[in-house]
Amino acid sequence: SPWIVGLLVFGGTDPATGVDCCVDAFAESFLKEACIAAWEAVGAVPPTRACLNDSQVRRELGDSSDAALIKRKLQWQRCNLQIQ
């Protein structure tokens, strides 16, 4: 039954039963209009690089304090310890 996953994602007819069972979830999820709307929301369409003007996205060398850097390094270290 490996084709079942394909039926869920791309839709079609079940070859074992002949039942047309699913819509094309891939096509429904990646509609042109939905993709363009999402890209516009982050400033990627038209390609202006506007998203880099957001303070949460763009970073410059030396734009954080030493305390913020130390805090970030401690967070990374805690995450690494939890993974091990």
N, C-alpha and C. Protein backbone atom coordinates (compact mmCIF):
# COMPACT_ATOMS: atom_id res chain seq x y z
N SER A 1 0.79 -1.20 0.00
CA SER A 1 0.00 0.00 0.00
C SER A 1 0.84 1.27 0.00
N PRO A 2 2.01 1.30 -0.64
CA PRO A 2 2.80 2.53 -0.62
C PRO A 2 2.15 3.67 -1.39
N TRP A 3 1.20 3.37 -2.27
CA TRP A 3 0.56 4.43 -3.06
C TRP A 3 -0.42 5.25 -2.22
N ILE A 4 -0.77 4.76 -1.03
CA ILE A 4 -1.75 5.47 -0.19
C ILE A 4 -1.24 6.85 0.18
N VAL A 5 0.05 6.98 0.51
CA VAL A 5 0.61 8.28 0.84
C VAL A 5 0.50 9.20 -0.37
N GLY A 6 0.82 8.70 -1.53
CA GLY A 6 0.69 9.50 -2.75
C GLY A 6 -0.74 9.95 -2.98
N LEU A 7 -1.71 9.09 -2.66
CA LEU A 7 -3.11 9.47 -2.83
C LEU A 7 -3.48 10.60 -1.89
N LEU A 8 -2.97 10.56 -0.66
CA LEU A 8 -3.28 11.62 0.30
C LEU A 8 -2.66 12.94 -0.13
N VAL A 9 -1.46 12.89 -0.70
CA VAL A 9 -0.77 14.11 -1.08
C VAL A 9 -1.24 14.63 -2.43
N PHE A 10 -1.29 13.76 -3.43
CA PHE A 10 -1.57 14.19 -4.80
C PHE A 10 -2.96 13.83 -5.30
N GLY A 11 -3.76 13.13 -4.50
CA GLY A 11 -5.10 12.75 -4.91
C GLY A 11 -5.08 11.64 -5.94
N GLY A 12 -6.23 11.24 -6.37
CA GLY A 12 -6.30 10.23 -7.42
C GLY A 12 -7.23 9.09 -7.06
N THR A 13 -7.07 8.01 -7.80
CA THR A 13 -7.93 6.84 -7.65
C THR A 13 -7.14 5.70 -7.04
N ASP A 14 -7.72 5.05 -6.05
CA ASP A 14 -7.10 3.89 -5.41
C ASP A 14 -7.07 2.75 -6.41
N PRO A 15 -5.87 2.26 -6.77
CA PRO A 15 -5.80 1.20 -7.77
C PRO A 15 -6.40 -0.13 -7.29
N ALA A 16 -6.44 -0.36 -6.00
CA ALA A 16 -6.99 -1.62 -5.49
C ALA A 16 -8.51 -1.65 -5.54
N THR A 17 -9.15 -0.51 -5.28
CA THR A 17 -10.61 -0.48 -5.21
C THR A 17 -11.25 0.29 -6.34
N GLY A 18 -10.47 1.15 -7.01
CA GLY A 18 -11.01 1.97 -8.07
C GLY A 18 -11.78 3.18 -7.58
N VAL A 19 -11.69 3.46 -6.28
CA VAL A 19 -12.42 4.57 -5.69
C VAL A 19 -11.59 5.85 -5.81
N ASP A 20 -12.24 6.91 -6.31
CA ASP A 20 -11.59 8.22 -6.37
C ASP A 20 -11.73 8.81 -4.97
N CYS A 21 -10.62 8.84 -4.24
CA CYS A 21 -10.75 9.08 -2.81
C CYS A 21 -10.31 10.44 -2.30
N CYS A 22 -9.44 11.11 -2.96
CA CYS A 22 -8.85 12.30 -2.33
C CYS A 22 -8.69 13.44 -3.33
N VAL A 23 -8.69 14.66 -2.77
CA VAL A 23 -8.34 15.83 -3.58
C VAL A 23 -6.82 15.96 -3.58
N ASP A 24 -6.30 16.75 -4.49
CA ASP A 24 -4.86 16.97 -4.58
C ASP A 24 -4.45 17.97 -3.50
N ALA A 25 -4.04 17.48 -2.33
CA ALA A 25 -3.68 18.35 -1.20
C ALA A 25 -2.48 19.22 -1.53
N PHE A 26 -1.55 18.71 -2.32
CA PHE A 26 -0.37 19.48 -2.70
C PHE A 26 -0.78 20.71 -3.50
N ALA A 27 -1.61 20.51 -4.50
CA ALA A 27 -2.05 21.63 -5.34
C ALA A 27 -2.88 22.62 -4.54
N GLU A 28 -3.71 22.12 -3.62
CA GLU A 28 -4.53 23.00 -2.79
C GLU A 28 -3.66 23.84 -1.86
N SER A 29 -2.59 23.27 -1.35
CA SER A 29 -1.72 23.96 -0.40
C SER A 29 -0.82 24.98 -1.06
N PHE A 30 -0.42 24.73 -2.28
CA PHE A 30 0.52 25.60 -2.97
C PHE A 30 -0.11 26.32 -4.15
N LEU A 31 -1.29 26.89 -3.92
CA LEU A 31 -1.94 27.69 -4.94
C LEU A 31 -1.08 28.93 -5.22
N LYS A 32 -1.04 29.34 -6.47
CA LYS A 32 -0.22 30.50 -6.86
C LYS A 32 -0.58 31.73 -6.03
N GLU A 33 -1.86 31.96 -5.85
CA GLU A 33 -2.31 33.15 -5.11
C GLU A 33 -1.85 33.11 -3.65
N ALA A 34 -1.91 31.92 -3.03
CA ALA A 34 -1.51 31.79 -1.63
C ALA A 34 -0.01 32.01 -1.47
N CYS A 35 0.76 31.48 -2.40
CA CYS A 35 2.22 31.66 -2.33
C CYS A 35 2.60 33.13 -2.51
N ILE A 36 1.99 33.79 -3.47
CA ILE A 36 2.31 35.20 -3.71
C ILE A 36 1.90 36.05 -2.52
N ALA A 37 0.75 35.76 -1.92
CA ALA A 37 0.31 36.51 -0.74
C ALA A 37 1.30 36.34 0.41
N ALA A 38 1.79 35.13 0.62
CA ALA A 38 2.76 34.89 1.69
C ALA A 38 4.07 35.60 1.40
N TRP A 39 4.50 35.57 0.15
CA TRP A 39 5.75 36.25 -0.21
C TRP A 39 5.62 37.76 -0.06
N GLU A 40 4.45 38.30 -0.41
CA GLU A 40 4.22 39.74 -0.25
C GLU A 40 4.24 40.13 1.22
N ALA A 41 3.73 39.26 2.08
CA ALA A 41 3.67 39.55 3.51
C ALA A 41 5.05 39.73 4.12
N VAL A 42 6.03 39.04 3.58
CA VAL A 42 7.39 39.15 4.13
C VAL A 42 8.29 40.03 3.28
N GLY A 43 7.75 40.64 2.24
CA GLY A 43 8.52 41.56 1.42
C GLY A 43 9.38 40.90 0.36
N ALA A 44 9.04 39.67 -0.01
CA ALA A 44 9.82 38.97 -1.02
C ALA A 44 9.31 39.19 -2.44
N VAL A 45 8.08 39.71 -2.57
CA VAL A 45 7.49 39.99 -3.88
C VAL A 45 6.95 41.40 -3.87
N PRO A 46 7.32 42.27 -4.73
CA PRO A 46 8.41 42.10 -5.69
C PRO A 46 9.74 42.00 -4.95
N PRO A 47 10.75 41.45 -5.60
CA PRO A 47 12.02 41.19 -4.91
C PRO A 47 12.74 42.49 -4.51
N THR A 48 12.40 43.00 -3.33
CA THR A 48 12.95 44.27 -2.88
C THR A 48 13.91 44.11 -1.71
N ARG A 49 13.97 42.95 -1.12
CA ARG A 49 14.76 42.69 0.09
C ARG A 49 14.25 43.52 1.27
N ALA A 50 12.98 43.95 1.19
CA ALA A 50 12.39 44.76 2.25
C ALA A 50 12.36 44.03 3.59
N CYS A 51 12.29 42.72 3.55
CA CYS A 51 12.24 41.97 4.80
C CYS A 51 13.51 42.18 5.63
N LEU A 52 14.61 42.55 4.99
CA LEU A 52 15.85 42.78 5.73
C LEU A 52 15.81 44.05 6.57
N ASN A 53 14.83 44.90 6.34
CA ASN A 53 14.70 46.11 7.14
C ASN A 53 14.04 45.86 8.48
N ASP A 54 13.47 44.67 8.68
CA ASP A 54 12.85 44.33 9.95
C ASP A 54 13.94 44.09 10.98
N SER A 55 13.80 44.67 12.16
CA SER A 55 14.83 44.55 13.20
C SER A 55 14.98 43.12 13.70
N GLN A 56 13.96 42.29 13.52
CA GLN A 56 14.07 40.90 13.95
C GLN A 56 14.77 40.04 12.92
N VAL A 57 14.96 40.55 11.72
CA VAL A 57 15.60 39.78 10.66
C VAL A 57 17.04 40.22 10.44
N ARG A 58 17.22 41.50 10.23
CA ARG A 58 18.54 42.00 9.88
C ARG A 58 19.40 42.17 11.12
N ARG A 59 20.62 41.71 11.03
CA ARG A 59 21.59 41.85 12.11
C ARG A 59 22.86 42.46 11.54
N GLU A 60 23.52 43.24 12.34
CA GLU A 60 24.79 43.84 11.96
C GLU A 60 25.85 43.36 12.94
N LEU A 61 27.08 43.32 12.50
CA LEU A 61 28.16 42.97 13.41
C LEU A 61 28.25 44.01 14.51
N GLY A 62 28.29 43.54 15.75
CA GLY A 62 28.42 44.44 16.87
C GLY A 62 27.15 45.16 17.25
N ASP A 63 25.97 44.69 16.80
CA ASP A 63 24.73 45.40 17.12
C ASP A 63 24.07 44.91 18.41
N SER A 64 24.74 44.04 19.14
CA SER A 64 24.19 43.60 20.41
C SER A 64 25.20 43.88 21.52
N SER A 65 24.69 43.98 22.71
CA SER A 65 25.56 44.25 23.85
C SER A 65 26.28 42.97 24.26
N ASP A 66 27.31 43.11 25.05
CA ASP A 66 28.03 41.94 25.54
C ASP A 66 27.11 41.06 26.37
N ALA A 67 26.23 41.68 27.16
CA ALA A 67 25.30 40.91 27.99
C ALA A 67 24.36 40.07 27.13
N ALA A 68 23.87 40.65 26.03
CA ALA A 68 22.97 39.92 25.14
C ALA A 68 23.71 38.76 24.48
N LEU A 69 24.96 38.98 24.10
CA LEU A 69 25.75 37.92 23.48
C LEU A 69 26.00 36.78 24.47
N ILE A 70 26.34 37.12 25.69
CA ILE A 70 26.57 36.10 26.71
C ILE A 70 25.29 35.32 26.97
N LYS A 71 24.17 36.02 27.05
CA LYS A 71 22.88 35.36 27.27
C LYS A 71 22.56 34.39 26.14
N ARG A 72 22.80 34.81 24.90
CA ARG A 72 22.55 33.96 23.75
C ARG A 72 23.45 32.72 23.77
N LYS A 73 24.71 32.90 24.11
CA LYS A 73 25.63 31.77 24.18
C LYS A 73 25.21 30.78 25.26
N LEU A 74 24.73 31.28 26.39
CA LEU A 74 24.25 30.39 27.45
C LEU A 74 23.02 29.61 27.00
N GLN A 75 22.14 30.26 26.24
CA GLN A 75 20.96 29.56 25.71
C GLN A 75 21.38 28.45 24.75
N TRP A 76 22.36 28.74 23.88
CA TRP A 76 22.85 27.71 22.95
C TRP A 76 23.46 26.55 23.72
N GLN A 77 24.22 26.88 24.77
CA GLN A 77 24.86 25.83 25.54
C GLN A 77 23.82 24.95 26.22
N ARG A 78 22.77 25.56 26.78
CA ARG A 78 21.69 24.78 27.41
C ARG A 78 21.01 23.87 26.40
N CYS A 79 20.77 24.39 25.22
CA CYS A 79 20.14 23.57 24.17
C CYS A 79 21.04 22.40 23.79
N ASN A 80 22.33 22.67 23.65
CA ASN A 80 23.27 21.59 23.30
C ASN A 80 23.32 20.53 24.38
N LEU A 81 23.26 20.92 25.65
CA LEU A 81 23.28 19.96 26.74
C LEU A 81 22.01 19.12 26.76
N GLN A 82 20.87 19.72 26.40
CA GLN A 82 19.61 18.98 26.38
C GLN A 82 19.59 17.96 25.25
N ILE A 83 20.25 18.26 24.15
CA ILE A 83 20.27 17.36 23.00
C ILE A 83 21.08 16.10 23.33
N GLN A 84 22.14 16.27 24.08
CA GLN A 84 23.03 15.14 24.38
C GLN A 84 22.41 14.21 25.33
